[in-house]
Amino acid sequence: MAKLFVNDQEIDIADGEKIVDAIEEAGVPIGCSNGVCGTCEIEVISGMENLSEVNAEEIDLGMEGNKRLGCQCTISGGEVKLKF
């Protein structure tokens, strides 16, 4: 079981799952859910290595460094701390 920490909320999530539903419940705004609007931009504070690789949609929207699109991330396990 993986753990997400979103702005002081702790959320358990199954290893290998997309994080979009969990972060939406935590208050991250979700627009299109397919990586074209950028509404769900998040900042990864720690645990980037536990998220899926940056994909084409994220590259197209200029996500670099610790910025990601929440709708495009899958958590492999461990802990990830995010803020939005």
PDB file of N, CA and C in Angstrom:
ATOM      1  N   MET A   1       0.852  -1.177   0.000  1.00  0.00           N
ATOM      2  CA  MET A   1       0.000   0.000   0.000  1.00  0.00           C
ATOM      3  C   MET A   1       0.896   1.239   0.000  1.00  0.00           C
ATOM      4  N   ALA A   2       0.640   2.131  -0.927  1.00  0.00           N
ATOM      5  CA  ALA A   2       1.375   3.385  -1.031  1.00  0.00           C
ATOM      6  C   ALA A   2       0.669   4.464  -0.213  1.00  0.00           C
ATOM      7  N   LYS A   3       1.397   5.547   0.061  1.00  0.00           N
ATOM      8  CA  LYS A   3       0.816   6.668   0.804  1.00  0.00           C
ATOM      9  C   LYS A   3       1.061   7.962   0.038  1.00  0.00           C
ATOM     10  N   LEU A   4      -0.009   8.731  -0.094  1.00  0.00           N
ATOM     11  CA  LEU A   4       0.078  10.084  -0.643  1.00  0.00           C
ATOM     12  C   LEU A   4      -0.128  11.067   0.497  1.00  0.00           C
ATOM     13  N   PHE A   5       0.643  12.107   0.504  1.00  0.00           N
ATOM     14  CA  PHE A   5       0.457  13.203   1.444  1.00  0.00           C
ATOM     15  C   PHE A   5       0.170  14.427   0.596  1.00  0.00           C
ATOM     16  N   VAL A   6      -1.043  14.949   0.701  1.00  0.00           N
ATOM     17  CA  VAL A   6      -1.475  16.087  -0.106  1.00  0.00           C
ATOM     18  C   VAL A   6      -1.862  17.213   0.837  1.00  0.00           C
ATOM     19  N   ASN A   7      -1.032  18.255   0.889  1.00  0.00           N
ATOM     20  CA  ASN A   7      -1.328  19.403   1.763  1.00  0.00           C
ATOM     21  C   ASN A   7      -1.782  18.966   3.153  1.00  0.00           C
ATOM     22  N   ASP A   8      -1.038  18.169   3.838  1.00  0.00           N
ATOM     23  CA  ASP A   8      -1.321  17.719   5.210  1.00  0.00           C
ATOM     24  C   ASP A   8      -2.367  16.608   5.312  1.00  0.00           C
ATOM     25  N   GLN A   9      -2.900  16.111   4.215  1.00  0.00           N
ATOM     26  CA  GLN A   9      -3.812  14.959   4.258  1.00  0.00           C
ATOM     27  C   GLN A   9      -3.023  13.707   3.886  1.00  0.00           C
ATOM     28  N   GLU A  10      -3.239  12.630   4.622  1.00  0.00           N
ATOM     29  CA  GLU A  10      -2.596  11.352   4.323  1.00  0.00           C
ATOM     30  C   GLU A  10      -3.626  10.439   3.676  1.00  0.00           C
ATOM     31  N   ILE A  11      -3.264   9.869   2.521  1.00  0.00           N
ATOM     32  CA  ILE A  11      -4.190   9.027   1.763  1.00  0.00           C
ATOM     33  C   ILE A  11      -3.498   7.721   1.417  1.00  0.00           C
ATOM     34  N   ASP A  12      -4.116   6.597   1.767  1.00  0.00           N
ATOM     35  CA  ASP A  12      -3.616   5.285   1.353  1.00  0.00           C
ATOM     36  C   ASP A  12      -4.126   5.002  -0.047  1.00  0.00           C
ATOM     37  N   ILE A  13      -3.245   4.468  -0.875  1.00  0.00           N
ATOM     38  CA  ILE A  13      -3.618   4.142  -2.253  1.00  0.00           C
ATOM     39  C   ILE A  13      -2.872   2.868  -2.651  1.00  0.00           C
ATOM     40  N   ALA A  14      -3.524   2.026  -3.415  1.00  0.00           N
ATOM     41  CA  ALA A  14      -2.918   0.755  -3.819  1.00  0.00           C
ATOM     42  C   ALA A  14      -1.715   0.999  -4.726  1.00  0.00           C
ATOM     43  N   ASP A  15      -0.668   0.196  -4.541  1.00  0.00           N
ATOM     44  CA  ASP A  15       0.498   0.259  -5.414  1.00  0.00           C
ATOM     45  C   ASP A  15       0.055   0.047  -6.863  1.00  0.00           C
ATOM     46  N   GLY A  16       0.601   0.848  -7.776  1.00  0.00           N
ATOM     47  CA  GLY A  16       0.299   0.709  -9.192  1.00  0.00           C
ATOM     48  C   GLY A  16      -0.953   1.437  -9.647  1.00  0.00           C
ATOM     49  N   GLU A  17      -1.609   2.172  -8.765  1.00  0.00           N
ATOM     50  CA  GLU A  17      -2.850   2.880  -9.111  1.00  0.00           C
ATOM     51  C   GLU A  17      -2.573   4.303  -9.570  1.00  0.00           C
ATOM     52  N   LYS A  18      -3.451   4.813 -10.438  1.00  0.00           N
ATOM     53  CA  LYS A  18      -3.423   6.234 -10.784  1.00  0.00           C
ATOM     54  C   LYS A  18      -3.827   7.020  -9.543  1.00  0.00           C
ATOM     55  N   ILE A  19      -3.258   8.213  -9.380  1.00  0.00           N
ATOM     56  CA  ILE A  19      -3.537   8.995  -8.175  1.00  0.00           C
ATOM     57  C   ILE A  19      -4.682   9.979  -8.363  1.00  0.00           C
ATOM     58  N   VAL A  20      -5.239  10.087  -9.544  1.00  0.00           N
ATOM     59  CA  VAL A  20      -6.202  11.143  -9.871  1.00  0.00           C
ATOM     60  C   VAL A  20      -7.418  11.162  -8.935  1.00  0.00           C
ATOM     61  N   ASP A  21      -8.018  10.034  -8.651  1.00  0.00           N
ATOM     62  CA  ASP A  21      -9.205  10.025  -7.789  1.00  0.00           C
ATOM     63  C   ASP A  21      -8.855  10.452  -6.367  1.00  0.00           C
ATOM     64  N   ALA A  22      -7.725   9.967  -5.872  1.00  0.00           N
ATOM     65  CA  ALA A  22      -7.309  10.305  -4.505  1.00  0.00           C
ATOM     66  C   ALA A  22      -7.010  11.793  -4.364  1.00  0.00           C
ATOM     67  N   ILE A  23      -6.320  12.368  -5.341  1.00  0.00           N
ATOM     68  CA  ILE A  23      -5.991  13.790  -5.208  1.00  0.00           C
ATOM     69  C   ILE A  23      -7.207  14.678  -5.423  1.00  0.00           C
ATOM     70  N   GLU A  24      -8.146  14.227  -6.246  1.00  0.00           N
ATOM     71  CA  GLU A  24      -9.376  15.005  -6.427  1.00  0.00           C
ATOM     72  C   GLU A  24     -10.151  15.064  -5.108  1.00  0.00           C
ATOM     73  N   GLU A  25     -10.236  13.942  -4.409  1.00  0.00           N
ATOM     74  CA  GLU A  25     -10.911  13.925  -3.106  1.00  0.00           C
ATOM     75  C   GLU A  25     -10.201  14.830  -2.099  1.00  0.00           C
ATOM     76  N   ALA A  26      -8.885  15.013  -2.280  1.00  0.00           N
ATOM     77  CA  ALA A  26      -8.096  15.864  -1.380  1.00  0.00           C
ATOM     78  C   ALA A  26      -8.182  17.343  -1.773  1.00  0.00           C
ATOM     79  N   GLY A  27      -8.884  17.642  -2.869  1.00  0.00           N
ATOM     80  CA  GLY A  27      -9.097  19.030  -3.237  1.00  0.00           C
ATOM     81  C   GLY A  27      -8.360  19.535  -4.456  1.00  0.00           C
ATOM     82  N   VAL A  28      -7.548  18.684  -5.090  1.00  0.00           N
ATOM     83  CA  VAL A  28      -6.870  19.112  -6.315  1.00  0.00           C
ATOM     84  C   VAL A  28      -7.922  19.230  -7.420  1.00  0.00           C
ATOM     85  N   PRO A  29      -7.997  20.378  -8.089  1.00  0.00           N
ATOM     86  CA  PRO A  29      -8.988  20.514  -9.153  1.00  0.00           C
ATOM     87  C   PRO A  29      -8.621  19.637 -10.356  1.00  0.00           C
ATOM     88  N   ILE A  30      -9.591  18.903 -10.854  1.00  0.00           N
ATOM     89  CA  ILE A  30      -9.397  18.043 -12.016  1.00  0.00           C
ATOM     90  C   ILE A  30     -10.312  18.559 -13.120  1.00  0.00           C
ATOM     91  N   GLY A  31      -9.724  18.864 -14.268  1.00  0.00           N
ATOM     92  CA  GLY A  31     -10.512  19.379 -15.382  1.00  0.00           C
ATOM     93  C   GLY A  31     -10.837  18.283 -16.375  1.00  0.00           C
ATOM     94  N   CYS A  32      -9.938  18.074 -17.293  1.00  0.00           N
ATOM     95  CA  CYS A  32     -10.202  17.162 -18.407  1.00  0.00           C
ATOM     96  C   CYS A  32      -9.889  15.701 -18.099  1.00  0.00           C
ATOM     97  N   SER A  33      -9.000  15.429 -17.177  1.00  0.00           N
ATOM     98  CA  SER A  33      -8.540  14.082 -16.806  1.00  0.00           C
ATOM     99  C   SER A  33      -7.747  13.367 -17.889  1.00  0.00           C
ATOM    100  N   ASN A  34      -7.390  14.050 -18.964  1.00  0.00           N
ATOM    101  CA  ASN A  34      -6.583  13.377 -19.989  1.00  0.00           C
ATOM    102  C   ASN A  34      -5.307  14.133 -20.346  1.00  0.00           C
ATOM    103  N   GLY A  35      -4.907  15.089 -19.528  1.00  0.00           N
ATOM    104  CA  GLY A  35      -3.611  15.715 -19.680  1.00  0.00           C
ATOM    105  C   GLY A  35      -3.512  16.848 -20.673  1.00  0.00           C
ATOM    106  N   VAL A  36      -4.622  17.490 -21.029  1.00  0.00           N
ATOM    107  CA  VAL A  36      -4.523  18.588 -21.989  1.00  0.00           C
ATOM    108  C   VAL A  36      -4.830  19.962 -21.400  1.00  0.00           C
ATOM    109  N   CYS A  37      -5.445  20.029 -20.213  1.00  0.00           N
ATOM    110  CA  CYS A  37      -5.837  21.345 -19.701  1.00  0.00           C
ATOM    111  C   CYS A  37      -4.866  21.918 -18.669  1.00  0.00           C
ATOM    112  N   GLY A  38      -4.151  21.075 -17.941  1.00  0.00           N
ATOM    113  CA  GLY A  38      -3.195  21.542 -16.952  1.00  0.00           C
ATOM    114  C   GLY A  38      -3.789  21.953 -15.617  1.00  0.00           C
ATOM    115  N   THR A  39      -5.086  21.797 -15.446  1.00  0.00           N
ATOM    116  CA  THR A  39      -5.759  22.204 -14.208  1.00  0.00           C
ATOM    117  C   THR A  39      -5.194  21.488 -12.990  1.00  0.00           C
ATOM    118  N   CYS A  40      -4.801  20.252 -13.131  1.00  0.00           N
ATOM    119  CA  CYS A  40      -4.383  19.421 -12.000  1.00  0.00           C
ATOM    120  C   CYS A  40      -2.878  19.463 -11.738  1.00  0.00           C
ATOM    121  N   GLU A  41      -2.226  20.543 -12.116  1.00  0.00           N
ATOM    122  CA  GLU A  41      -0.789  20.652 -11.880  1.00  0.00           C
ATOM    123  C   GLU A  41      -0.494  20.549 -10.382  1.00  0.00           C
ATOM    124  N   ILE A  42       0.438  19.686 -10.054  1.00  0.00           N
ATOM    125  CA  ILE A  42       0.846  19.481  -8.667  1.00  0.00           C
ATOM    126  C   ILE A  42       2.354  19.667  -8.563  1.00  0.00           C
ATOM    127  N   GLU A  43       2.812  19.923  -7.347  1.00  0.00           N
ATOM    128  CA  GLU A  43       4.239  20.004  -7.059  1.00  0.00           C
ATOM    129  C   GLU A  43       4.599  18.811  -6.193  1.00  0.00           C
ATOM    130  N   VAL A  44       5.595  18.051  -6.629  1.00  0.00           N
ATOM    131  CA  VAL A  44       6.043  16.887  -5.874  1.00  0.00           C
ATOM    132  C   VAL A  44       7.143  17.348  -4.920  1.00  0.00           C
ATOM    133  N   ILE A  45       6.844  17.291  -3.632  1.00  0.00           N
ATOM    134  CA  ILE A  45       7.786  17.707  -2.599  1.00  0.00           C
ATOM    135  C   ILE A  45       8.816  16.610  -2.345  1.00  0.00           C
ATOM    136  N   SER A  46       8.360  15.375  -2.310  1.00  0.00           N
ATOM    137  CA  SER A  46       9.258  14.228  -2.148  1.00  0.00           C
ATOM    138  C   SER A  46       8.592  12.981  -2.719  1.00  0.00           C
ATOM    139  N   GLY A  47       9.419  12.011  -3.100  1.00  0.00           N
ATOM    140  CA  GLY A  47       8.899  10.742  -3.606  1.00  0.00           C
ATOM    141  C   GLY A  47       8.706  10.679  -5.115  1.00  0.00           C
ATOM    142  N   MET A  48       9.322  11.598  -5.862  1.00  0.00           N
ATOM    143  CA  MET A  48       9.182  11.587  -7.324  1.00  0.00           C
ATOM    144  C   MET A  48       9.540  10.221  -7.908  1.00  0.00           C
ATOM    145  N   GLU A  49      10.506   9.550  -7.289  1.00  0.00           N
ATOM    146  CA  GLU A  49      10.938   8.237  -7.783  1.00  0.00           C
ATOM    147  C   GLU A  49       9.850   7.182  -7.647  1.00  0.00           C
ATOM    148  N   ASN A  50       8.810   7.463  -6.870  1.00  0.00           N
ATOM    149  CA  ASN A  50       7.704   6.517  -6.690  1.00  0.00           C
ATOM    150  C   ASN A  50       6.544   6.768  -7.650  1.00  0.00           C
ATOM    151  N   LEU A  51       6.705   7.756  -8.530  1.00  0.00           N
ATOM    152  CA  LEU A  51       5.676   8.055  -9.535  1.00  0.00           C
ATOM    153  C   LEU A  51       6.122   7.579 -10.906  1.00  0.00           C
ATOM    154  N   SER A  52       5.159   7.372 -11.782  1.00  0.00           N
ATOM    155  CA  SER A  52       5.447   6.984 -13.158  1.00  0.00           C
ATOM    156  C   SER A  52       6.291   8.052 -13.846  1.00  0.00           C
ATOM    157  N   GLU A  53       6.909   7.670 -14.945  1.00  0.00           N
ATOM    158  CA  GLU A  53       7.719   8.596 -15.736  1.00  0.00           C
ATOM    159  C   GLU A  53       6.851   9.728 -16.288  1.00  0.00           C
ATOM    160  N   VAL A  54       7.449  10.880 -16.497  1.00  0.00           N
ATOM    161  CA  VAL A  54       6.759  11.992 -17.158  1.00  0.00           C
ATOM    162  C   VAL A  54       6.373  11.525 -18.560  1.00  0.00           C
ATOM    163  N   ASN A  55       5.123  11.777 -18.949  1.00  0.00           N
ATOM    164  CA  ASN A  55       4.661  11.308 -20.255  1.00  0.00           C
ATOM    165  C   ASN A  55       4.558  12.460 -21.263  1.00  0.00           C
ATOM    166  N   ALA A  56       4.141  12.153 -22.472  1.00  0.00           N
ATOM    167  CA  ALA A  56       4.079  13.140 -23.554  1.00  0.00           C
ATOM    168  C   ALA A  56       3.146  14.303 -23.233  1.00  0.00           C
ATOM    169  N   GLU A  57       2.024  14.018 -22.607  1.00  0.00           N
ATOM    170  CA  GLU A  57       1.080  15.081 -22.262  1.00  0.00           C
ATOM    171  C   GLU A  57       1.716  16.076 -21.297  1.00  0.00           C
ATOM    172  N   GLU A  58       2.451  15.568 -20.326  1.00  0.00           N
ATOM    173  CA  GLU A  58       3.121  16.440 -19.360  1.00  0.00           C
ATOM    174  C   GLU A  58       4.225  17.260 -20.032  1.00  0.00           C
ATOM    175  N   ILE A  59       4.967  16.637 -20.904  1.00  0.00           N
ATOM    176  CA  ILE A  59       6.014  17.352 -21.638  1.00  0.00           C
ATOM    177  C   ILE A  59       5.389  18.454 -22.483  1.00  0.00           C
ATOM    178  N   ASP A  60       4.291  18.157 -23.173  1.00  0.00           N
ATOM    179  CA  ASP A  60       3.611  19.154 -24.014  1.00  0.00           C
ATOM    180  C   ASP A  60       3.155  20.368 -23.215  1.00  0.00           C
ATOM    181  N   LEU A  61       2.786  20.170 -21.929  1.00  0.00           N
ATOM    182  CA  LEU A  61       2.336  21.284 -21.088  1.00  0.00           C
ATOM    183  C   LEU A  61       3.476  21.905 -20.284  1.00  0.00           C
ATOM    184  N   GLY A  62       4.713  21.503 -20.568  1.00  0.00           N
ATOM    185  CA  GLY A  62       5.869  22.128 -19.947  1.00  0.00           C
ATOM    186  C   GLY A  62       6.164  21.699 -18.532  1.00  0.00           C
ATOM    187  N   MET A  63       5.691  20.528 -18.120  1.00  0.00           N
ATOM    188  CA  MET A  63       5.989  20.042 -16.777  1.00  0.00           C
ATOM    189  C   MET A  63       7.466  19.645 -16.722  1.00  0.00           C
ATOM    190  N   GLU A  64       8.176  20.242 -15.794  1.00  0.00           N
ATOM    191  CA  GLU A  64       9.586  19.903 -15.611  1.00  0.00           C
ATOM    192  C   GLU A  64       9.941  20.069 -14.144  1.00  0.00           C
ATOM    193  N   GLY A  65      11.089  19.565 -13.781  1.00  0.00           N
ATOM    194  CA  GLY A  65      11.490  19.626 -12.381  1.00  0.00           C
ATOM    195  C   GLY A  65      10.547  18.812 -11.526  1.00  0.00           C
ATOM    196  N   ASN A  66       9.963  19.443 -10.521  1.00  0.00           N
ATOM    197  CA  ASN A  66       9.067  18.723  -9.617  1.00  0.00           C
ATOM    198  C   ASN A  66       7.594  18.980  -9.921  1.00  0.00           C
ATOM    199  N   LYS A  67       7.273  19.501 -11.102  1.00  0.00           N
ATOM    200  CA  LYS A  67       5.882  19.743 -11.513  1.00  0.00           C
ATOM    201  C   LYS A  67       5.373  18.542 -12.302  1.00  0.00           C
ATOM    202  N   ARG A  68       4.151  18.129 -11.996  1.00  0.00           N
ATOM    203  CA  ARG A  68       3.508  17.009 -12.693  1.00  0.00           C
ATOM    204  C   ARG A  68       2.031  17.315 -12.892  1.00  0.00           C
ATOM    205  N   LEU A  69       1.393  16.548 -13.762  1.00  0.00           N
ATOM    206  CA  LEU A  69      -0.059  16.572 -13.912  1.00  0.00           C
ATOM    207  C   LEU A  69      -0.612  15.409 -13.086  1.00  0.00           C
ATOM    208  N   GLY A  70      -1.430  15.723 -12.095  1.00  0.00           N
ATOM    209  CA  GLY A  70      -1.966  14.690 -11.219  1.00  0.00           C
ATOM    210  C   GLY A  70      -2.768  13.632 -11.950  1.00  0.00           C
ATOM    211  N   CYS A  71      -3.438  14.024 -13.025  1.00  0.00           N
ATOM    212  CA  CYS A  71      -4.271  13.066 -13.759  1.00  0.00           C
ATOM    213  C   CYS A  71      -3.445  12.055 -14.546  1.00  0.00           C
ATOM    214  N   GLN A  72      -2.153  12.293 -14.677  1.00  0.00           N
ATOM    215  CA  GLN A  72      -1.312  11.411 -15.486  1.00  0.00           C
ATOM    216  C   GLN A  72      -0.403  10.505 -14.662  1.00  0.00           C
ATOM    217  N   CYS A  73      -0.359  10.697 -13.357  1.00  0.00           N
ATOM    218  CA  CYS A  73       0.588   9.965 -12.500  1.00  0.00           C
ATOM    219  C   CYS A  73       0.012   8.663 -11.960  1.00  0.00           C
ATOM    220  N   THR A  74       0.871   7.669 -11.921  1.00  0.00           N
ATOM    221  CA  THR A  74       0.601   6.407 -11.257  1.00  0.00           C
ATOM    222  C   THR A  74       1.644   6.252 -10.166  1.00  0.00           C
ATOM    223  N   ILE A  75       1.242   5.771  -9.005  1.00  0.00           N
ATOM    224  CA  ILE A  75       2.180   5.580  -7.897  1.00  0.00           C
ATOM    225  C   ILE A  75       2.589   4.110  -7.858  1.00  0.00           C
ATOM    226  N   SER A  76       3.889   3.871  -7.812  1.00  0.00           N
ATOM    227  CA  SER A  76       4.376   2.493  -7.802  1.00  0.00           C
ATOM    228  C   SER A  76       4.404   1.888  -6.408  1.00  0.00           C
ATOM    229  N   GLY A  77       4.495   2.726  -5.398  1.00  0.00           N
ATOM    230  CA  GLY A  77       4.572   2.283  -4.015  1.00  0.00           C
ATOM    231  C   GLY A  77       5.259   3.356  -3.195  1.00  0.00           C
ATOM    232  N   GLY A  78       5.518   3.066  -1.953  1.00  0.00           N
ATOM    233  CA  GLY A  78       6.212   4.033  -1.099  1.00  0.00           C
ATOM    234  C   GLY A  78       5.354   5.227  -0.744  1.00  0.00           C
ATOM    235  N   GLU A  79       6.028   6.360  -0.530  1.00  0.00           N
ATOM    236  CA  GLU A  79       5.347   7.587  -0.119  1.00  0.00           C
ATOM    237  C   GLU A  79       5.649   8.702  -1.108  1.00  0.00           C
ATOM    238  N   VAL A  80       4.639   9.524  -1.356  1.00  0.00           N
ATOM    239  CA  VAL A  80       4.778  10.701  -2.205  1.00  0.00           C
ATOM    240  C   VAL A  80       4.112  11.858  -1.495  1.00  0.00           C
ATOM    241  N   LYS A  81       4.829  12.962  -1.370  1.00  0.00           N
ATOM    242  CA  LYS A  81       4.284  14.164  -0.746  1.00  0.00           C
ATOM    243  C   LYS A  81       4.085  15.212  -1.834  1.00  0.00           C
ATOM    244  N   LEU A  82       2.840  15.739  -1.908  1.00  0.00           N
ATOM    245  CA  LEU A  82       2.442  16.678  -2.954  1.00  0.00           C
ATOM    246  C   LEU A  82       1.873  17.954  -2.357  1.00  0.00           C
ATOM    247  N   LYS A  83       1.901  19.014  -3.150  1.00  0.00           N
ATOM    248  CA  LYS A  83       1.113  20.191  -2.829  1.00  0.00           C
ATOM    249  C   LYS A  83       0.601  20.783  -4.125  1.00  0.00           C
ATOM    250  N   PHE A  84      -0.469  21.546  -4.013  1.00  0.00           N
ATOM    251  CA  PHE A  84      -1.052  22.204  -5.187  1.00  0.00           C
ATOM    252  C   PHE A  84      -1.424  23.610  -4.859  1.00  0.00           C
TER     253      PHE A  84
END
